[in-house]
Amino acid sequence: MTTMLEKLAAQESRRMPGDDELAARAERLAEQYLLGRAVPDTVRWVTNQNSRWGSCTPSEGSIRLSHRLQGMPEYVIDYVLLHELAHLLVPGHGPSFWRLLESYPRTERARGFLEGVVAADRLPHPPGSREE
């Protein structure tokens, strides 16, 4: 049993990109969808963001993604990364911001996925469930 759990844990950790891989992904996404104009200084996972999927501080060039994204489909992580990269160029959520994300083909699908996760978290958990 212990060996099987260790194998599963190792397999799971391979699926979750580390900070370096996250930064490389951000660079690829910025090149592909933002003409290389968004260049963050740091991109990292954080464990202190429970009400946001990601955040960006343009003045510092820093992007932080919530650890809650780990294990979600790659297109969802890519969308959140791209969303935060776009904030390096446009601070708010106005029309010019959303135009930057139009070229990412899975924007609506990723947003729907994240909305579903939020909705599921709000559902009452049955007695005796792990969540209780």
N, C-alpha and C. Protein backbone atom coordinates (compact mmCIF):
# COMPACT_ATOMS: atom_id res chain seq x y z
N MET A 1 0.83 -1.19 0.00
CA MET A 1 0.00 0.00 0.00
C MET A 1 0.87 1.25 0.00
N THR A 2 1.91 1.29 0.84
CA THR A 2 2.78 2.46 0.91
C THR A 2 3.46 2.71 -0.42
N THR A 3 3.94 1.66 -1.08
CA THR A 3 4.60 1.81 -2.38
C THR A 3 3.64 2.40 -3.40
N MET A 4 2.41 1.93 -3.41
CA MET A 4 1.43 2.44 -4.36
C MET A 4 1.17 3.93 -4.10
N LEU A 5 1.03 4.32 -2.83
CA LEU A 5 0.80 5.72 -2.49
C LEU A 5 2.00 6.58 -2.88
N GLU A 6 3.20 6.06 -2.68
CA GLU A 6 4.40 6.80 -3.08
C GLU A 6 4.45 6.99 -4.59
N LYS A 7 4.08 5.95 -5.33
CA LYS A 7 4.06 6.05 -6.79
C LYS A 7 3.03 7.07 -7.25
N LEU A 8 1.84 7.05 -6.63
CA LEU A 8 0.81 8.02 -6.98
C LEU A 8 1.25 9.45 -6.66
N ALA A 9 1.89 9.64 -5.53
CA ALA A 9 2.38 10.97 -5.14
C ALA A 9 3.44 11.46 -6.12
N ALA A 10 4.34 10.57 -6.52
CA ALA A 10 5.39 10.94 -7.49
C ALA A 10 4.77 11.28 -8.84
N GLN A 11 3.78 10.51 -9.24
CA GLN A 11 3.10 10.76 -10.51
C GLN A 11 2.40 12.12 -10.47
N GLU A 12 1.74 12.43 -9.36
CA GLU A 12 1.03 13.70 -9.21
C GLU A 12 2.01 14.87 -9.23
N SER A 13 3.15 14.73 -8.57
CA SER A 13 4.11 15.84 -8.54
C SER A 13 4.70 16.11 -9.92
N ARG A 14 4.78 15.07 -10.76
CA ARG A 14 5.27 15.28 -12.13
C ARG A 14 4.28 16.09 -12.95
N ARG A 15 2.98 15.94 -12.63
CA ARG A 15 1.95 16.66 -13.38
C ARG A 15 1.85 18.12 -12.98
N MET A 16 2.30 18.47 -11.79
CA MET A 16 2.20 19.84 -11.31
C MET A 16 3.49 20.58 -11.61
N PRO A 17 3.42 21.56 -12.50
CA PRO A 17 4.64 22.28 -12.85
C PRO A 17 5.16 23.09 -11.67
N GLY A 18 6.49 23.15 -11.54
CA GLY A 18 7.10 23.97 -10.51
C GLY A 18 7.18 25.41 -10.98
N ASP A 19 7.75 26.28 -10.16
CA ASP A 19 7.85 27.70 -10.49
C ASP A 19 8.64 27.94 -11.77
N ASP A 20 9.73 27.20 -11.96
CA ASP A 20 10.54 27.40 -13.17
C ASP A 20 9.75 27.04 -14.42
N GLU A 21 9.04 25.92 -14.37
CA GLU A 21 8.23 25.51 -15.51
C GLU A 21 7.08 26.50 -15.75
N LEU A 22 6.54 27.03 -14.66
CA LEU A 22 5.47 28.02 -14.76
C LEU A 22 5.99 29.28 -15.45
N ALA A 23 7.19 29.71 -15.09
CA ALA A 23 7.79 30.90 -15.72
C ALA A 23 8.05 30.65 -17.21
N ALA A 24 8.52 29.46 -17.55
CA ALA A 24 8.78 29.13 -18.96
C ALA A 24 7.46 29.10 -19.74
N ARG A 25 6.42 28.58 -19.11
CA ARG A 25 5.10 28.56 -19.73
C ARG A 25 4.59 29.97 -19.98
N ALA A 26 4.78 30.84 -19.00
CA ALA A 26 4.36 32.24 -19.13
C ALA A 26 5.08 32.90 -20.30
N GLU A 27 6.36 32.61 -20.43
CA GLU A 27 7.15 33.18 -21.53
C GLU A 27 6.60 32.70 -22.88
N ARG A 28 6.31 31.40 -22.99
CA ARG A 28 5.75 30.86 -24.24
C ARG A 28 4.39 31.48 -24.56
N LEU A 29 3.54 31.59 -23.55
CA LEU A 29 2.21 32.17 -23.76
C LEU A 29 2.30 33.63 -24.17
N ALA A 30 3.20 34.38 -23.54
CA ALA A 30 3.36 35.79 -23.87
C ALA A 30 3.83 35.95 -25.32
N GLU A 31 4.75 35.09 -25.74
CA GLU A 31 5.23 35.13 -27.13
C GLU A 31 4.10 34.80 -28.11
N GLN A 32 3.38 33.75 -27.80
CA GLN A 32 2.35 33.25 -28.72
C GLN A 32 1.13 34.15 -28.81
N TYR A 33 0.69 34.71 -27.67
CA TYR A 33 -0.58 35.43 -27.66
C TYR A 33 -0.47 36.94 -27.42
N LEU A 34 0.66 37.40 -26.89
CA LEU A 34 0.80 38.82 -26.57
C LEU A 34 2.00 39.45 -27.28
N LEU A 35 2.46 38.81 -28.35
CA LEU A 35 3.58 39.31 -29.16
C LEU A 35 4.83 39.57 -28.32
N GLY A 36 4.98 38.83 -27.23
CA GLY A 36 6.17 38.96 -26.38
C GLY A 36 6.23 40.25 -25.58
N ARG A 37 5.14 40.99 -25.55
CA ARG A 37 5.15 42.30 -24.88
C ARG A 37 5.05 42.20 -23.37
N ALA A 38 4.50 41.13 -22.83
CA ALA A 38 4.36 40.97 -21.39
C ALA A 38 5.52 40.13 -20.87
N VAL A 39 6.39 40.75 -20.09
CA VAL A 39 7.57 40.06 -19.58
C VAL A 39 7.61 40.18 -18.06
N PRO A 40 7.14 39.15 -17.36
CA PRO A 40 7.15 39.21 -15.90
C PRO A 40 8.57 38.99 -15.35
N ASP A 41 8.81 39.58 -14.19
CA ASP A 41 10.09 39.33 -13.49
C ASP A 41 10.01 38.02 -12.71
N THR A 42 8.85 37.74 -12.14
CA THR A 42 8.67 36.50 -11.39
C THR A 42 7.30 35.91 -11.68
N VAL A 43 7.25 34.58 -11.70
CA VAL A 43 6.01 33.83 -11.84
C VAL A 43 6.13 32.67 -10.87
N ARG A 44 5.17 32.57 -9.95
CA ARG A 44 5.29 31.50 -8.95
C ARG A 44 3.95 31.08 -8.40
N TRP A 45 3.93 29.88 -7.83
CA TRP A 45 2.77 29.36 -7.13
C TRP A 45 2.75 29.96 -5.73
N VAL A 46 1.56 30.23 -5.20
CA VAL A 46 1.44 30.68 -3.81
C VAL A 46 0.31 29.91 -3.14
N THR A 47 0.39 29.81 -1.83
CA THR A 47 -0.63 29.07 -1.07
C THR A 47 -1.53 30.01 -0.28
N ASN A 48 -1.34 31.32 -0.40
CA ASN A 48 -2.13 32.25 0.40
C ASN A 48 -3.23 32.94 -0.42
N GLN A 49 -3.57 32.40 -1.59
CA GLN A 49 -4.65 32.97 -2.41
C GLN A 49 -5.78 31.97 -2.48
N ASN A 50 -6.78 32.19 -1.67
CA ASN A 50 -7.90 31.26 -1.67
C ASN A 50 -9.15 31.84 -2.30
N SER A 51 -9.16 33.13 -2.55
CA SER A 51 -10.34 33.73 -3.19
C SER A 51 -10.05 34.18 -4.61
N ARG A 52 -8.81 34.07 -5.05
CA ARG A 52 -8.42 34.43 -6.42
C ARG A 52 -7.66 33.27 -7.04
N TRP A 53 -7.73 33.19 -8.35
CA TRP A 53 -6.96 32.16 -9.07
C TRP A 53 -5.55 32.65 -9.33
N GLY A 54 -5.39 33.94 -9.50
CA GLY A 54 -4.08 34.51 -9.76
C GLY A 54 -4.08 35.98 -9.42
N SER A 55 -2.88 36.54 -9.36
CA SER A 55 -2.77 37.98 -9.15
C SER A 55 -1.49 38.47 -9.82
N CYS A 56 -1.49 39.77 -10.08
CA CYS A 56 -0.38 40.38 -10.78
C CYS A 56 -0.10 41.74 -10.14
N THR A 57 1.16 42.04 -9.94
CA THR A 57 1.57 43.37 -9.49
C THR A 57 2.44 43.95 -10.60
N PRO A 58 1.82 44.74 -11.50
CA PRO A 58 2.56 45.27 -12.65
C PRO A 58 3.82 46.06 -12.27
N SER A 59 3.75 46.84 -11.18
CA SER A 59 4.90 47.65 -10.78
C SER A 59 6.11 46.80 -10.42
N GLU A 60 5.86 45.58 -9.96
CA GLU A 60 6.94 44.65 -9.60
C GLU A 60 7.19 43.61 -10.68
N GLY A 61 6.29 43.53 -11.65
CA GLY A 61 6.40 42.52 -12.69
C GLY A 61 6.21 41.11 -12.15
N SER A 62 5.40 40.99 -11.08
CA SER A 62 5.24 39.68 -10.46
C SER A 62 3.86 39.11 -10.72
N ILE A 63 3.85 37.81 -10.97
CA ILE A 63 2.61 37.06 -11.18
C ILE A 63 2.61 35.90 -10.19
N ARG A 64 1.46 35.73 -9.52
CA ARG A 64 1.30 34.65 -8.57
C ARG A 64 0.05 33.86 -8.93
N LEU A 65 0.17 32.55 -8.95
CA LEU A 65 -0.99 31.68 -9.21
C LEU A 65 -1.31 30.88 -7.96
N SER A 66 -2.60 30.75 -7.68
CA SER A 66 -3.03 29.99 -6.53
C SER A 66 -2.69 28.51 -6.69
N HIS A 67 -2.23 27.91 -5.62
CA HIS A 67 -1.95 26.47 -5.61
C HIS A 67 -3.20 25.66 -5.92
N ARG A 68 -4.39 26.26 -5.76
CA ARG A 68 -5.64 25.55 -6.06
C ARG A 68 -5.76 25.19 -7.53
N LEU A 69 -4.98 25.85 -8.40
CA LEU A 69 -4.98 25.53 -9.83
C LEU A 69 -4.20 24.25 -10.14
N GLN A 70 -3.33 23.87 -9.25
CA GLN A 70 -2.50 22.69 -9.50
C GLN A 70 -3.38 21.47 -9.66
N GLY A 71 -3.14 20.73 -10.72
CA GLY A 71 -3.94 19.55 -11.01
C GLY A 71 -5.11 19.84 -11.95
N MET A 72 -5.40 21.12 -12.21
CA MET A 72 -6.46 21.46 -13.15
C MET A 72 -5.93 21.28 -14.57
N PRO A 73 -6.82 21.22 -15.56
CA PRO A 73 -6.35 21.05 -16.95
C PRO A 73 -5.37 22.16 -17.36
N GLU A 74 -4.42 21.79 -18.21
CA GLU A 74 -3.40 22.75 -18.63
C GLU A 74 -3.99 23.99 -19.27
N TYR A 75 -5.05 23.83 -20.06
CA TYR A 75 -5.63 25.00 -20.71
C TYR A 75 -6.18 26.00 -19.70
N VAL A 76 -6.61 25.52 -18.53
CA VAL A 76 -7.11 26.41 -17.48
C VAL A 76 -5.93 27.17 -16.85
N ILE A 77 -4.87 26.47 -16.54
CA ILE A 77 -3.68 27.13 -15.98
C ILE A 77 -3.14 28.14 -16.99
N ASP A 78 -3.09 27.74 -18.26
CA ASP A 78 -2.61 28.66 -19.30
C ASP A 78 -3.49 29.91 -19.38
N TYR A 79 -4.79 29.73 -19.29
CA TYR A 79 -5.69 30.89 -19.33
C TYR A 79 -5.40 31.84 -18.16
N VAL A 80 -5.28 31.30 -16.94
CA VAL A 80 -5.03 32.16 -15.78
C VAL A 80 -3.68 32.86 -15.93
N LEU A 81 -2.68 32.13 -16.40
CA LEU A 81 -1.36 32.75 -16.64
C LEU A 81 -1.48 33.88 -17.66
N LEU A 82 -2.16 33.61 -18.75
CA LEU A 82 -2.33 34.61 -19.80
C LEU A 82 -3.12 35.81 -19.29
N HIS A 83 -4.11 35.56 -18.49
CA HIS A 83 -4.91 36.62 -17.88
C HIS A 83 -4.00 37.55 -17.06
N GLU A 84 -3.14 36.94 -16.24
CA GLU A 84 -2.24 37.75 -15.41
C GLU A 84 -1.17 38.44 -16.25
N LEU A 85 -0.69 37.78 -17.29
CA LEU A 85 0.27 38.42 -18.20
C LEU A 85 -0.36 39.65 -18.85
N ALA A 86 -1.63 39.55 -19.23
CA ALA A 86 -2.31 40.68 -19.85
C ALA A 86 -2.38 41.86 -18.89
N HIS A 87 -2.44 41.58 -17.58
CA HIS A 87 -2.46 42.66 -16.60
C HIS A 87 -1.13 43.42 -16.54
N LEU A 88 -0.07 42.82 -17.01
CA LEU A 88 1.19 43.57 -17.09
C LEU A 88 1.08 44.67 -18.13
N LEU A 89 0.16 44.50 -19.09
CA LEU A 89 -0.02 45.47 -20.17
C LEU A 89 -1.21 46.40 -19.92
N VAL A 90 -2.28 45.86 -19.34
CA VAL A 90 -3.50 46.62 -19.07
C VAL A 90 -3.96 46.28 -17.66
N PRO A 91 -3.96 47.26 -16.75
CA PRO A 91 -4.28 46.94 -15.35
C PRO A 91 -5.71 46.50 -15.06
N GLY A 92 -6.71 47.08 -15.70
CA GLY A 92 -8.10 46.77 -15.37
C GLY A 92 -8.68 45.67 -16.24
N HIS A 93 -10.00 45.54 -16.18
CA HIS A 93 -10.71 44.53 -16.97
C HIS A 93 -11.61 45.18 -18.02
N GLY A 94 -11.16 46.27 -18.60
CA GLY A 94 -11.93 46.95 -19.64
C GLY A 94 -11.81 46.25 -20.98
N PRO A 95 -12.43 46.84 -22.00
CA PRO A 95 -12.43 46.24 -23.34
C PRO A 95 -11.02 45.98 -23.89
N SER A 96 -10.08 46.88 -23.64
CA SER A 96 -8.72 46.66 -24.17
C SER A 96 -8.05 45.46 -23.51
N PHE A 97 -8.38 45.21 -22.24
CA PHE A 97 -7.85 44.02 -21.56
C PHE A 97 -8.38 42.76 -22.22
N TRP A 98 -9.71 42.68 -22.40
CA TRP A 98 -10.32 41.48 -22.95
C TRP A 98 -9.92 41.25 -24.40
N ARG A 99 -9.62 42.32 -25.12
CA ARG A 99 -9.13 42.15 -26.50
C ARG A 99 -7.80 41.40 -26.53
N LEU A 100 -6.98 41.60 -25.49
CA LEU A 100 -5.70 40.89 -25.43
C LEU A 100 -5.90 39.38 -25.31
N LEU A 101 -6.99 38.97 -24.71
CA LEU A 101 -7.24 37.54 -24.49
C LEU A 101 -8.03 36.88 -25.62
N GLU A 102 -8.52 37.66 -26.57
CA GLU A 102 -9.33 37.12 -27.67
C GLU A 102 -8.60 36.06 -28.49
N SER A 103 -7.29 36.19 -28.60
CA SER A 103 -6.56 35.25 -29.46
C SER A 103 -6.37 33.87 -28.81
N TYR A 104 -6.56 33.77 -27.47
CA TYR A 104 -6.43 32.48 -26.81
C TYR A 104 -7.72 31.70 -27.06
N PRO A 105 -7.65 30.58 -27.77
CA PRO A 105 -8.86 29.89 -28.22
C PRO A 105 -9.70 29.25 -27.10
N ARG A 106 -9.13 29.09 -25.93
CA ARG A 106 -9.88 28.40 -24.87
C ARG A 106 -10.28 29.33 -23.72
N THR A 107 -10.31 30.63 -23.98
CA THR A 107 -10.67 31.58 -22.93
C THR A 107 -12.03 31.26 -22.32
N GLU A 108 -13.06 31.15 -23.15
CA GLU A 108 -14.42 30.91 -22.63
C GLU A 108 -14.52 29.56 -21.94
N ARG A 109 -13.89 28.56 -22.50
CA ARG A 109 -13.94 27.22 -21.90
C ARG A 109 -13.27 27.23 -20.52
N ALA A 110 -12.12 27.89 -20.42
CA ALA A 110 -11.40 27.96 -19.14
C ALA A 110 -12.20 28.75 -18.11
N ARG A 111 -12.79 29.85 -18.54
CA ARG A 111 -13.60 30.65 -17.62
C ARG A 111 -14.80 29.83 -17.13
N GLY A 112 -15.41 29.07 -18.03
CA GLY A 112 -16.52 28.22 -17.63
C GLY A 112 -16.10 27.14 -16.65
N PHE A 113 -14.93 26.55 -16.87
CA PHE A 113 -14.41 25.54 -15.97
C PHE A 113 -14.23 26.13 -14.57
N LEU A 114 -13.60 27.31 -14.50
CA LEU A 114 -13.34 27.94 -13.20
C LEU A 114 -14.65 28.35 -12.52
N GLU A 115 -15.62 28.82 -13.29
CA GLU A 115 -16.93 29.15 -12.72
C GLU A 115 -17.59 27.91 -12.15
N GLY A 116 -17.43 26.77 -12.82
CA GLY A 116 -17.98 25.52 -12.32
C GLY A 116 -17.33 25.08 -11.02
N VAL A 117 -16.02 25.28 -10.91
CA VAL A 117 -15.32 24.94 -9.67
C VAL A 117 -15.84 25.80 -8.52
N VAL A 118 -16.00 27.09 -8.77
CA VAL A 118 -16.51 28.00 -7.74
C VAL A 118 -17.92 27.60 -7.34
N ALA A 119 -18.77 27.29 -8.32
CA ALA A 119 -20.15 26.89 -8.02
C ALA A 119 -20.17 25.60 -7.21
N ALA A 120 -19.34 24.64 -7.57
CA ALA A 120 -19.30 23.36 -6.84
C ALA A 120 -18.85 23.57 -5.40
N ASP A 121 -17.91 24.49 -5.20
CA ASP A 121 -17.43 24.76 -3.84
C ASP A 121 -18.53 25.35 -2.96
N ARG A 122 -19.51 26.02 -3.58
CA ARG A 122 -20.58 26.66 -2.82
C ARG A 122 -21.71 25.69 -2.47
N LEU A 123 -21.73 24.53 -3.09
CA LEU A 123 -22.79 23.56 -2.81
C LEU A 123 -22.63 23.01 -1.40
N PRO A 124 -23.73 22.72 -0.75
CA PRO A 124 -23.62 22.11 0.59
C PRO A 124 -23.03 20.70 0.46
N HIS A 125 -22.21 20.36 1.41
CA HIS A 125 -21.59 19.03 1.40
C HIS A 125 -22.42 18.09 2.28
N PRO A 126 -22.70 16.90 1.79
CA PRO A 126 -23.53 15.97 2.56
C PRO A 126 -22.83 15.56 3.87
N PRO A 127 -23.63 15.27 4.89
CA PRO A 127 -23.03 14.81 6.17
C PRO A 127 -22.12 13.61 5.93
N GLY A 128 -21.00 13.62 6.60
CA GLY A 128 -20.06 12.51 6.50
C GLY A 128 -19.10 12.64 5.33
N SER A 129 -19.22 13.70 4.53
CA SER A 129 -18.29 13.87 3.41
C SER A 129 -16.96 14.39 3.94
N ARG A 130 -15.93 14.24 3.11
CA ARG A 130 -14.58 14.70 3.49
C ARG A 130 -14.55 16.20 3.74
N GLU A 131 -15.40 16.95 3.07
CA GLU A 131 -15.37 18.40 3.10
C GLU A 131 -15.92 18.97 4.41
N GLU A 132 -16.67 18.18 5.12
CA GLU A 132 -17.38 18.67 6.29
C GLU A 132 -16.43 19.07 7.39
